[in-house]
Amino acid sequence: MRSGRALTKALMRLGPAILPFADAATVELPLGRLLRLALFQVTVGMAAVLLIGTLNRVMIVELGVPAWIVAVMLALPLIFAPLRALVGFRSDTHRSVLGWRRVPYIWFGTLLQFGGLAIMPFALLILSGDTTGPLWVGDVAAALAFLLVGAGLHTTQTVGLALATDLAPAHARPKVVALLCVALLFGMMASALLFGLFLARFSPVRLIQVIQGAALVTIVLNGIALWKQEPRDPSRTQAAPTRDFRSSWRDYAGQGAARRRLVAIGLGTAGFSMQDILLEPYGGQILHLSVGATTALTALLAAGGGLGLLIAARWLGRGGDPFRVSAVGVGIGILAFSAVVFAAPLASADLFAAGVSLIGLGGGLFAHGTLTASMNRAGPEDTGLALGAWGAVQASAAGLSIAASGLVRDIGGAIAQSGVLGEGMNEPAIGYLIVYHIEIALLFAALIALGPLVREDARAASRDRLGGSLAERAA
């Protein structure tokens, strides 16, 4: 009996050491409850892959939809990105007789995603011309479907992160952030594999089954994620003071550190995101890599991002400065894009692969650091507003930079090949290299924006240590 108890205790002590993120659990937020909460990030990742990856190819190749219509449809969810701050603020000040602030918004965001995914396959089939009715119905229905999914995705993620901040104690938040980011990556990778498998033999019926299956999975997983998460407290929501969004935003954004933090987030996100749609074409067209080799780049990028999240979680868990973590990520990103740039003249696939891995590593450090900083700066009554501002800047910067990257590459390449820049610049790689140099410039600008924030945190930490030592001496 004693040996059995000893073995059980040994296994319990071993668990956190061998199970990733097991040490993120706390008494307030046990591991099982934390893993359930992370499911909302899995559905967000699934929706992102479905919109940006799977449907992008299906609409153009299988359904024959013009590329410009596809681009417009995929850009529609970005309309709601700037509204994430408002959504977060509303969840901060929501009044409910049930005593919930976050749950209603996450649930309605889930319903918006479900509704958009439910009508999306039929809208796309009509959009492709497979109808005897007017074609404008397909345009309107597809636009509505993408808008609903975008609104639901942004609402669910913004308020879900705010709920995680409410539930997690301050010392555990870095590890909780890492777990939520890994859940997002897992949702993207797993759904990409499953969508590719299910749609290998494409047919309209199979498209309907896959997209509506994603709608069902979304509502089931988010329902499990929400179950018994937010404690009910009617007195808190009924007595909540009525605050105006404009004045609350003015108070929040009026702080110099908050403005600089948002600028750094926007610059860094844009710097890391412009390459999203260019790395694989660059590898194939310039370095002449095979389709399998360029596809493996996605795995390298994801692996680097996961490693960056793990390193950031451990660093921050030991009391590290989130702005310093972000700055290190930006520095790694500058080195990474330099490696990608030099891979073309050196014709080095290995240097290119190393650069791609480092982009993922730097991006993981930067994303974790900035999200943790936003969580730490949020007060108990403005958590949703702070995280909504982070999400609004991050999503808007990512979307706009990805859209601009293709335009810059095409225009830059056309100018270079016209001979205006000289004979030495008349190379197919020039369009790509212009984009990569812009990304390096953006990351340098982000580093400049982060500098004062790192110094400010260092001064605050030294003041806290001095105050603690004086208190000990007085005692």
Protein backbone atom coordinates (compact mmCIF):
# COMPACT_ATOMS: atom_id res chain seq x y z
CA MET A 1 0.00 0.00 0.00
CA ARG A 2 2.78 2.42 0.95
CA SER A 3 4.72 1.62 -2.21
CA GLY A 4 1.59 2.34 -4.30
CA ARG A 5 1.11 5.71 -2.64
CA ALA A 6 4.77 6.56 -3.15
CA LEU A 7 4.52 5.68 -6.82
CA THR A 8 1.41 7.85 -7.20
CA LYS A 9 3.13 10.82 -5.57
CA ALA A 10 6.20 10.33 -7.76
CA LEU A 11 4.07 10.29 -10.91
CA MET A 12 2.24 13.43 -9.78
CA ARG A 13 5.56 15.21 -9.28
CA LEU A 14 6.82 13.95 -12.64
CA GLY A 15 3.72 15.11 -14.53
CA PRO A 16 4.51 18.85 -14.64
CA ALA A 17 8.06 18.07 -15.71
CA ILE A 18 7.18 16.00 -18.77
CA LEU A 19 3.78 17.45 -19.76
CA PRO A 20 4.09 20.77 -21.59
CA PHE A 21 2.33 23.66 -19.81
CA ALA A 22 1.30 21.48 -16.86
CA ASP A 23 3.00 24.07 -14.65
CA ALA A 24 0.63 26.72 -16.03
CA ALA A 25 -2.12 25.25 -13.86
CA THR A 26 -2.86 26.87 -10.52
CA VAL A 27 -5.28 26.35 -7.66
CA GLU A 28 -7.52 29.05 -9.16
CA LEU A 29 -7.27 27.58 -12.69
CA PRO A 30 -6.59 23.79 -12.65
CA LEU A 31 -5.07 22.09 -15.69
CA GLY A 32 -8.28 20.43 -16.88
CA ARG A 33 -10.19 23.69 -16.72
CA LEU A 34 -7.34 25.55 -18.44
CA LEU A 35 -7.18 23.02 -21.29
CA ARG A 36 -10.95 23.31 -21.76
CA LEU A 37 -10.67 27.10 -21.90
CA ALA A 38 -7.96 26.83 -24.58
CA LEU A 39 -10.45 25.13 -26.93
CA PHE A 40 -11.79 28.51 -28.06
CA GLN A 41 -8.36 29.19 -29.59
CA VAL A 42 -8.55 25.87 -31.46
CA THR A 43 -11.79 26.96 -33.16
CA VAL A 44 -10.31 30.38 -33.97
CA GLY A 45 -7.34 28.68 -35.63
CA MET A 46 -9.67 26.37 -37.55
CA ALA A 47 -11.71 29.29 -38.88
CA ALA A 48 -8.55 31.20 -39.87
CA VAL A 49 -7.17 28.25 -41.83
CA LEU A 50 -10.51 27.64 -43.49
CA LEU A 51 -10.80 31.24 -44.68
CA ILE A 52 -7.21 32.05 -45.59
CA GLY A 53 -5.96 28.66 -46.73
CA THR A 54 -8.53 26.07 -47.75
CA LEU A 55 -11.28 28.26 -49.21
CA ASN A 56 -8.72 30.50 -50.91
CA ARG A 57 -7.60 27.57 -53.08
CA VAL A 58 -11.06 25.96 -53.44
CA MET A 59 -12.74 29.15 -54.63
CA ILE A 60 -10.09 29.88 -57.27
CA VAL A 61 -9.20 26.36 -58.49
CA GLU A 62 -12.23 24.11 -57.97
CA LEU A 63 -15.05 26.68 -58.18
CA GLY A 64 -13.46 29.02 -60.74
CA VAL A 65 -14.27 32.22 -58.83
CA PRO A 66 -12.26 35.24 -60.12
CA ALA A 67 -9.23 35.99 -57.96
CA TRP A 68 -10.27 39.60 -57.26
CA ILE A 69 -13.60 38.44 -55.81
CA VAL A 70 -11.75 35.92 -53.64
CA ALA A 71 -9.43 38.67 -52.39
CA VAL A 72 -12.36 40.92 -51.51
CA MET A 73 -14.20 38.12 -49.69
CA LEU A 74 -11.13 37.14 -47.66
CA ALA A 75 -10.55 40.79 -46.72
CA LEU A 76 -14.09 41.29 -45.38
CA PRO A 77 -13.41 39.75 -41.91
CA LEU A 78 -10.78 42.46 -41.36
CA ILE A 79 -13.55 45.06 -41.22
CA PHE A 80 -14.26 43.94 -37.65
CA ALA A 81 -10.62 43.92 -36.49
CA PRO A 82 -10.61 47.60 -35.39
CA LEU A 83 -13.80 46.95 -33.40
CA ARG A 84 -12.11 44.48 -31.06
CA ALA A 85 -11.37 47.25 -28.56
CA LEU A 86 -15.07 48.18 -28.46
CA VAL A 87 -16.07 44.52 -28.05
CA GLY A 88 -13.60 44.11 -25.19
CA PHE A 89 -14.88 47.28 -23.53
CA ARG A 90 -18.48 46.10 -23.81
CA SER A 91 -17.55 42.83 -22.11
CA ASP A 92 -15.90 44.82 -19.30
CA THR A 93 -19.07 46.82 -18.61
CA HIS A 94 -21.75 44.26 -19.53
CA ARG A 95 -24.69 44.06 -17.13
CA SER A 96 -26.37 40.69 -16.71
CA VAL A 97 -28.93 39.37 -14.25
CA LEU A 98 -26.98 36.11 -14.36
CA GLY A 99 -23.80 37.85 -13.26
CA TRP A 100 -21.72 37.08 -16.37
CA ARG A 101 -19.59 39.61 -18.23
CA ARG A 102 -17.56 37.48 -20.70
CA VAL A 103 -19.73 34.40 -21.36
CA PRO A 104 -22.52 36.18 -23.31
CA TYR A 105 -20.05 37.76 -25.73
CA ILE A 106 -18.10 34.54 -26.31
CA TRP A 107 -21.33 32.66 -26.89
CA PHE A 108 -22.75 35.20 -29.33
CA GLY A 109 -19.40 35.26 -31.12
CA THR A 110 -19.66 31.48 -31.40
CA LEU A 111 -23.17 31.76 -32.83
CA LEU A 112 -21.97 34.29 -35.40
CA GLN A 113 -19.22 31.89 -36.49
CA PHE A 114 -21.71 29.02 -36.63
CA GLY A 115 -24.18 31.03 -38.71
CA GLY A 116 -21.54 32.19 -41.17
CA LEU A 117 -20.10 28.71 -41.65
CA ALA A 118 -23.58 27.19 -41.97
CA ILE A 119 -24.57 29.30 -45.00
CA MET A 120 -21.08 29.64 -46.49
CA PRO A 121 -20.92 26.49 -48.70
CA PHE A 122 -24.26 27.22 -50.39
CA ALA A 123 -23.25 30.85 -50.91
CA LEU A 124 -19.96 29.79 -52.50
CA LEU A 125 -21.67 27.34 -54.86
CA ILE A 126 -24.05 30.09 -56.01
CA LEU A 127 -21.11 32.50 -56.27
CA SER A 128 -19.37 30.08 -58.65
CA GLY A 129 -22.33 30.32 -61.07
CA ASP A 130 -23.89 26.96 -60.18
CA THR A 131 -27.41 28.39 -60.08
CA THR A 132 -30.35 29.27 -62.29
CA GLY A 133 -31.12 32.38 -60.26
CA PRO A 134 -29.51 35.81 -60.24
CA LEU A 135 -25.76 35.78 -59.53
CA TRP A 136 -25.90 38.75 -57.17
CA VAL A 137 -27.51 36.49 -54.58
CA GLY A 138 -24.26 34.54 -54.39
CA ASP A 139 -22.23 37.73 -53.96
CA VAL A 140 -24.44 39.00 -51.15
CA ALA A 141 -24.71 35.63 -49.39
CA ALA A 142 -20.95 34.98 -49.57
CA ALA A 143 -20.17 38.47 -48.27
CA LEU A 144 -22.63 37.95 -45.39
CA ALA A 145 -21.07 34.57 -44.56
CA PHE A 146 -17.53 35.94 -44.44
CA LEU A 147 -18.66 38.95 -42.39
CA LEU A 148 -20.42 36.72 -39.85
CA VAL A 149 -17.40 34.44 -39.47
CA GLY A 150 -15.06 37.43 -39.14
CA ALA A 151 -17.24 39.13 -36.53
CA GLY A 152 -17.59 35.91 -34.56
CA LEU A 153 -13.88 35.10 -34.74
CA HIS A 154 -12.76 38.52 -33.49
CA THR A 155 -15.41 38.60 -30.74
CA THR A 156 -14.64 35.11 -29.47
CA GLN A 157 -10.88 35.57 -29.36
CA THR A 158 -10.94 39.04 -27.78
CA VAL A 159 -13.33 38.17 -24.96
CA GLY A 160 -11.84 34.70 -24.53
CA LEU A 161 -8.42 36.23 -23.83
CA ALA A 162 -10.04 38.65 -21.40
CA LEU A 163 -11.70 35.73 -19.59
CA ALA A 164 -8.36 33.91 -19.38
CA THR A 165 -6.83 37.04 -17.84
CA ASP A 166 -9.65 37.23 -15.30
CA LEU A 167 -9.24 33.61 -14.26
CA ALA A 168 -5.43 33.27 -14.22
CA PRO A 169 -3.42 34.74 -11.33
CA ALA A 170 -0.77 37.25 -12.38
CA HIS A 171 2.22 34.94 -11.82
CA ALA A 172 0.76 32.24 -14.11
CA ARG A 173 -0.29 34.48 -17.00
CA PRO A 174 2.89 34.07 -19.12
CA LYS A 175 2.43 30.30 -19.19
CA VAL A 176 -1.31 30.63 -19.79
CA VAL A 177 -0.60 32.94 -22.75
CA ALA A 178 1.85 30.40 -24.17
CA LEU A 179 -0.71 27.60 -23.82
CA LEU A 180 -3.39 29.65 -25.57
CA CYS A 181 -1.01 30.53 -28.42
CA VAL A 182 0.01 26.87 -28.81
CA ALA A 183 -3.69 25.92 -28.88
CA LEU A 184 -4.14 28.39 -31.74
CA LEU A 185 -1.20 26.86 -33.64
CA PHE A 186 -2.53 23.36 -32.97
CA GLY A 187 -5.97 24.32 -34.27
CA MET A 188 -4.45 25.75 -37.44
CA MET A 189 -2.17 22.80 -38.15
CA ALA A 190 -4.66 20.05 -37.30
CA SER A 191 -7.51 21.64 -39.24
CA ALA A 192 -5.26 22.27 -42.27
CA LEU A 193 -4.38 18.57 -42.39
CA LEU A 194 -7.99 17.46 -41.91
CA PHE A 195 -9.42 19.90 -44.46
CA GLY A 196 -6.84 18.77 -47.01
CA LEU A 197 -7.68 15.12 -46.33
CA PHE A 198 -11.44 15.56 -46.52
CA LEU A 199 -11.34 17.72 -49.66
CA ALA A 200 -8.82 15.57 -51.54
CA ARG A 201 -11.69 14.29 -53.66
CA PHE A 202 -13.57 17.52 -54.18
CA SER A 203 -17.29 17.68 -54.84
CA PRO A 204 -19.96 20.26 -53.98
CA VAL A 205 -21.53 17.87 -51.48
CA ARG A 206 -18.19 17.26 -49.79
CA LEU A 207 -17.61 21.03 -49.56
CA ILE A 208 -20.96 21.43 -47.80
CA GLN A 209 -20.16 18.60 -45.40
CA VAL A 210 -16.71 19.92 -44.50
CA ILE A 211 -17.71 23.55 -43.89
CA GLN A 212 -20.88 22.72 -41.98
CA GLY A 213 -18.92 20.11 -40.04
CA ALA A 214 -16.55 22.92 -39.04
CA ALA A 215 -19.58 24.93 -37.89
CA LEU A 216 -20.73 22.05 -35.68
CA VAL A 217 -17.24 21.50 -34.25
CA THR A 218 -17.00 25.25 -33.47
CA ILE A 219 -20.17 25.37 -31.42
CA VAL A 220 -19.42 22.09 -29.60
CA LEU A 221 -15.81 22.96 -28.68
CA ASN A 222 -16.66 26.51 -27.61
CA GLY A 223 -19.55 25.20 -25.53
CA ILE A 224 -17.15 22.83 -23.76
CA ALA A 225 -14.63 25.66 -23.36
CA LEU A 226 -17.20 27.92 -21.66
CA TRP A 227 -18.72 25.33 -19.34
CA LYS A 228 -18.42 26.52 -15.71
CA GLN A 229 -15.56 28.93 -16.45
CA GLU A 230 -16.73 32.39 -15.45
CA PRO A 231 -18.13 32.56 -11.90
CA ARG A 232 -21.55 34.15 -11.62
CA ASP A 233 -21.66 37.37 -9.62
CA PRO A 234 -24.89 39.36 -10.17
CA SER A 235 -23.86 42.02 -7.67
CA ARG A 236 -20.75 42.86 -9.72
CA THR A 237 -22.57 43.34 -13.01
CA GLN A 238 -25.64 45.04 -11.58
CA ALA A 239 -23.51 47.58 -9.71
CA ALA A 240 -21.16 48.16 -12.64
CA PRO A 241 -20.73 51.89 -13.27
CA THR A 242 -21.88 53.18 -16.60
CA ARG A 243 -18.79 54.15 -18.57
CA ASP A 244 -18.56 55.69 -22.00
CA PHE A 245 -16.29 53.96 -24.52
CA ARG A 246 -14.93 57.21 -25.89
CA SER A 247 -13.84 58.51 -22.51
CA SER A 248 -12.49 55.09 -21.47
CA TRP A 249 -10.49 54.83 -24.68
CA ARG A 250 -9.20 58.38 -24.21
CA ASP A 251 -8.03 57.50 -20.70
CA TYR A 252 -6.38 54.29 -21.88
CA ALA A 253 -4.78 55.55 -25.08
CA GLY A 254 -3.89 58.88 -23.48
CA GLN A 255 -1.10 57.18 -21.55
CA GLY A 256 2.19 57.58 -23.37
CA ALA A 257 3.27 54.02 -22.59
CA ALA A 258 0.01 52.61 -23.96
CA ARG A 259 0.34 54.51 -27.24
CA ARG A 260 3.95 53.46 -27.65
CA ARG A 261 3.04 49.86 -26.87
CA LEU A 262 0.33 49.83 -29.54
CA VAL A 263 2.70 51.42 -32.08
CA ALA A 264 5.33 48.79 -31.33
CA ILE A 265 2.75 46.01 -31.68
CA GLY A 266 1.60 47.36 -35.04
CA LEU A 267 5.11 47.82 -36.44
CA GLY A 268 6.37 44.46 -35.22
CA THR A 269 3.30 42.56 -36.40
CA ALA A 270 3.50 44.15 -39.84
CA GLY A 271 7.22 43.36 -39.99
CA PHE A 272 6.68 39.68 -39.23
CA SER A 273 3.49 39.28 -41.33
CA MET A 274 4.35 40.64 -44.79
CA GLN A 275 6.17 37.41 -45.66
CA ASP A 276 3.13 35.18 -45.01
CA ILE A 277 2.15 34.75 -48.66
CA LEU A 278 5.64 35.18 -50.16
CA LEU A 279 7.97 32.65 -48.54
CA GLU A 280 6.74 29.63 -50.49
CA PRO A 281 6.70 31.40 -53.90
CA TYR A 282 10.15 32.83 -53.11
CA GLY A 283 11.49 29.36 -52.38
CA GLY A 284 9.96 27.89 -55.52
CA GLN A 285 10.59 30.68 -58.03
CA ILE A 286 13.95 32.00 -56.82
CA LEU A 287 15.61 29.03 -55.09
CA HIS A 288 13.91 26.41 -57.30
CA LEU A 289 12.71 24.28 -54.40
CA SER A 290 10.22 21.47 -54.99
CA VAL A 291 6.57 21.71 -53.92
CA GLY A 292 7.26 19.35 -51.02
CA ALA A 293 10.21 21.43 -49.87
CA THR A 294 8.27 24.69 -49.95
CA THR A 295 5.33 23.08 -48.14
CA ALA A 296 7.76 22.00 -45.40
CA LEU A 297 8.49 25.69 -44.81
CA THR A 298 5.12 26.01 -43.08
CA ALA A 299 6.17 23.29 -40.65
CA LEU A 300 9.50 25.04 -40.01
CA LEU A 301 7.72 28.34 -39.39
CA ALA A 302 5.26 26.70 -36.97
CA ALA A 303 8.03 24.81 -35.19
CA GLY A 304 10.00 28.03 -34.73
CA GLY A 305 6.90 29.78 -33.44
CA GLY A 306 6.17 27.00 -30.94
CA LEU A 307 9.77 27.09 -29.69
CA GLY A 308 9.53 30.87 -29.31
CA LEU A 309 6.38 30.51 -27.22
CA LEU A 310 8.01 27.92 -24.96
CA ILE A 311 11.13 30.05 -24.45
CA ALA A 312 9.04 33.16 -23.75
CA ALA A 313 6.85 31.30 -21.25
CA ARG A 314 9.89 30.03 -19.33
CA TRP A 315 11.63 33.42 -19.48
CA LEU A 316 8.59 35.37 -18.32
CA GLY A 317 7.73 32.74 -15.73
CA ARG A 318 11.06 33.53 -14.06
CA GLY A 319 10.19 37.21 -13.82
CA GLY A 320 11.46 38.40 -17.21
CA ASP A 321 10.38 41.69 -18.74
CA PRO A 322 7.81 41.10 -21.52
CA PHE A 323 9.07 44.11 -23.49
CA ARG A 324 12.61 42.74 -23.36
CA VAL A 325 11.30 39.39 -24.62
CA SER A 326 9.53 41.21 -27.47
CA ALA A 327 12.68 43.18 -28.31
CA VAL A 328 14.76 39.99 -28.47
CA GLY A 329 12.14 38.51 -30.81
CA VAL A 330 12.37 41.57 -33.05
CA GLY A 331 16.18 41.32 -33.10
CA ILE A 332 15.96 37.66 -34.11
CA GLY A 333 13.48 38.65 -36.82
CA ILE A 334 15.95 41.16 -38.28
CA LEU A 335 18.63 38.45 -38.46
CA ALA A 336 16.10 36.02 -39.93
CA PHE A 337 15.05 38.28 -42.80
CA SER A 338 18.69 39.10 -43.48
CA ALA A 339 19.31 35.36 -43.90
CA VAL A 340 16.32 35.09 -46.26
CA VAL A 341 17.64 38.02 -48.32
CA PHE A 342 21.15 36.56 -48.65
CA ALA A 343 19.75 33.13 -49.54
CA ALA A 344 18.97 34.37 -53.08
CA PRO A 345 22.43 35.57 -54.22
CA LEU A 346 24.08 32.63 -52.44
CA ALA A 347 21.50 30.17 -53.83
CA SER A 348 21.45 28.52 -50.40
CA ALA A 349 18.35 26.53 -49.49
CA ASP A 350 19.83 25.77 -46.06
CA LEU A 351 20.28 29.47 -45.27
CA PHE A 352 16.70 30.08 -46.40
CA ALA A 353 15.37 27.28 -44.16
CA ALA A 354 17.32 28.66 -41.21
CA GLY A 355 15.90 32.12 -41.87
CA VAL A 356 12.33 30.77 -42.00
CA SER A 357 12.81 28.93 -38.69
CA LEU A 358 14.18 32.09 -37.08
CA ILE A 359 11.21 34.12 -38.37
CA GLY A 360 8.94 31.73 -36.48
CA LEU A 361 11.12 31.91 -33.37
CA GLY A 362 11.25 35.71 -33.36
CA GLY A 363 7.55 36.00 -34.12
CA GLY A 364 6.68 33.67 -31.24
CA LEU A 365 8.77 35.68 -28.78
CA PHE A 366 7.32 38.97 -30.01
CA ALA A 367 3.68 37.82 -29.94
CA HIS A 368 3.99 36.28 -26.47
CA GLY A 369 5.81 39.28 -25.04
CA THR A 370 3.39 41.89 -26.35
CA LEU A 371 0.29 39.90 -25.34
CA THR A 372 1.68 39.32 -21.84
CA ALA A 373 2.54 43.01 -21.54
CA SER A 374 -1.01 43.94 -22.52
CA MET A 375 -2.39 41.51 -19.93
CA ASN A 376 -0.12 42.85 -17.21
CA ARG A 377 -1.06 46.47 -17.94
CA ALA A 378 -4.79 45.74 -17.84
CA GLY A 379 -6.67 46.64 -14.67
CA PRO A 380 -9.49 44.44 -13.34
CA GLU A 381 -12.11 46.72 -14.89
CA ASP A 382 -10.51 47.32 -18.30
CA THR A 383 -9.08 43.91 -19.21
CA GLY A 384 -11.31 43.58 -22.26
CA LEU A 385 -10.45 47.06 -23.50
CA ALA A 386 -6.69 46.48 -23.18
CA LEU A 387 -6.74 43.08 -24.87
CA GLY A 388 -9.19 44.33 -27.48
CA ALA A 389 -6.78 47.14 -28.33
CA TRP A 390 -3.95 44.58 -28.66
CA GLY A 391 -6.10 42.39 -30.90
CA ALA A 392 -7.35 45.30 -33.01
CA VAL A 393 -3.85 46.57 -33.74
CA GLN A 394 -2.40 43.10 -34.24
CA ALA A 395 -5.13 41.83 -36.58
CA SER A 396 -5.36 45.07 -38.58
CA ALA A 397 -1.58 45.32 -39.00
CA ALA A 398 -1.32 41.67 -40.06
CA GLY A 399 -4.14 41.91 -42.60
CA LEU A 400 -3.03 45.18 -44.15
CA SER A 401 0.62 44.13 -44.34
CA ILE A 402 -0.22 40.81 -46.00
CA ALA A 403 -2.38 42.61 -48.56
CA ALA A 404 0.33 45.22 -49.19
CA SER A 405 3.09 42.64 -49.58
CA GLY A 406 1.65 41.15 -52.78
CA LEU A 407 1.11 44.60 -54.26
CA VAL A 408 4.63 45.76 -53.37
CA ARG A 409 6.18 42.60 -54.78
CA ASP A 410 4.31 42.91 -58.08
CA ILE A 411 5.00 46.63 -58.53
CA GLY A 412 8.61 46.37 -57.41
CA GLY A 413 9.25 43.38 -59.63
CA ALA A 414 7.67 45.08 -62.64
CA ILE A 415 9.76 48.23 -62.15
CA ALA A 416 12.97 46.21 -61.76
CA GLN A 417 12.32 44.08 -64.84
CA SER A 418 11.51 47.17 -66.91
CA GLY A 419 15.16 48.19 -66.59
CA VAL A 420 14.48 51.49 -64.81
CA LEU A 421 16.64 50.46 -61.83
CA GLY A 422 19.54 49.32 -64.00
CA GLU A 423 20.73 46.06 -65.47
CA GLY A 424 22.00 44.70 -62.15
CA MET A 425 18.53 44.99 -60.60
CA ASN A 426 16.74 43.23 -63.44
CA GLU A 427 16.27 39.99 -61.51
CA PRO A 428 13.13 37.99 -60.60
CA ALA A 429 14.08 38.14 -56.91
CA ILE A 430 13.99 41.96 -56.69
CA GLY A 431 10.26 42.19 -55.98
CA TYR A 432 10.59 39.76 -53.08
CA LEU A 433 13.74 41.42 -51.74
CA ILE A 434 12.03 44.83 -51.67
CA VAL A 435 9.35 43.37 -49.39
CA TYR A 436 11.92 41.71 -47.12
CA HIS A 437 13.89 44.95 -46.78
CA ILE A 438 10.68 46.78 -45.86
CA GLU A 439 10.08 44.15 -43.19
CA ILE A 440 13.59 44.69 -41.79
CA ALA A 441 12.92 48.46 -41.68
CA LEU A 442 9.61 47.88 -39.86
CA LEU A 443 11.30 45.64 -37.30
CA PHE A 444 14.00 48.27 -36.69
CA ALA A 445 11.21 50.81 -36.13
CA ALA A 446 9.51 48.40 -33.69
CA LEU A 447 12.81 48.02 -31.84
CA ILE A 448 13.05 51.81 -31.51
CA ALA A 449 9.49 51.93 -30.16
CA LEU A 450 10.21 49.15 -27.63
CA GLY A 451 13.40 50.75 -26.25
CA PRO A 452 11.78 53.27 -23.85
CA LEU A 453 9.29 50.62 -22.70
CA VAL A 454 12.15 48.28 -21.72
CA ARG A 455 13.89 51.10 -19.84
CA GLU A 456 10.66 52.07 -18.08
CA ASP A 457 10.08 48.51 -16.89
CA ALA A 458 13.70 48.26 -15.74
CA ARG A 459 13.33 51.46 -13.68
CA ALA A 460 10.04 50.21 -12.20
CA ALA A 461 11.64 46.89 -11.25
CA SER A 462 14.60 48.65 -9.59
CA ARG A 463 12.18 50.89 -7.64
CA ASP A 464 10.26 47.82 -6.45
CA ARG A 465 13.47 46.09 -5.34
CA LEU A 466 14.63 49.25 -3.53
CA GLY A 467 11.27 49.63 -1.82
CA GLY A 468 11.32 45.99 -0.75
CA SER A 469 14.83 46.25 0.70
CA LEU A 470 13.91 49.43 2.61
CA ALA A 471 10.80 47.77 3.99
CA GLU A 472 12.88 44.80 5.17
CA ARG A 473 15.37 47.09 6.90
CA ALA A 474 12.56 49.04 8.58
CA ALA A 475 11.05 45.79 9.81
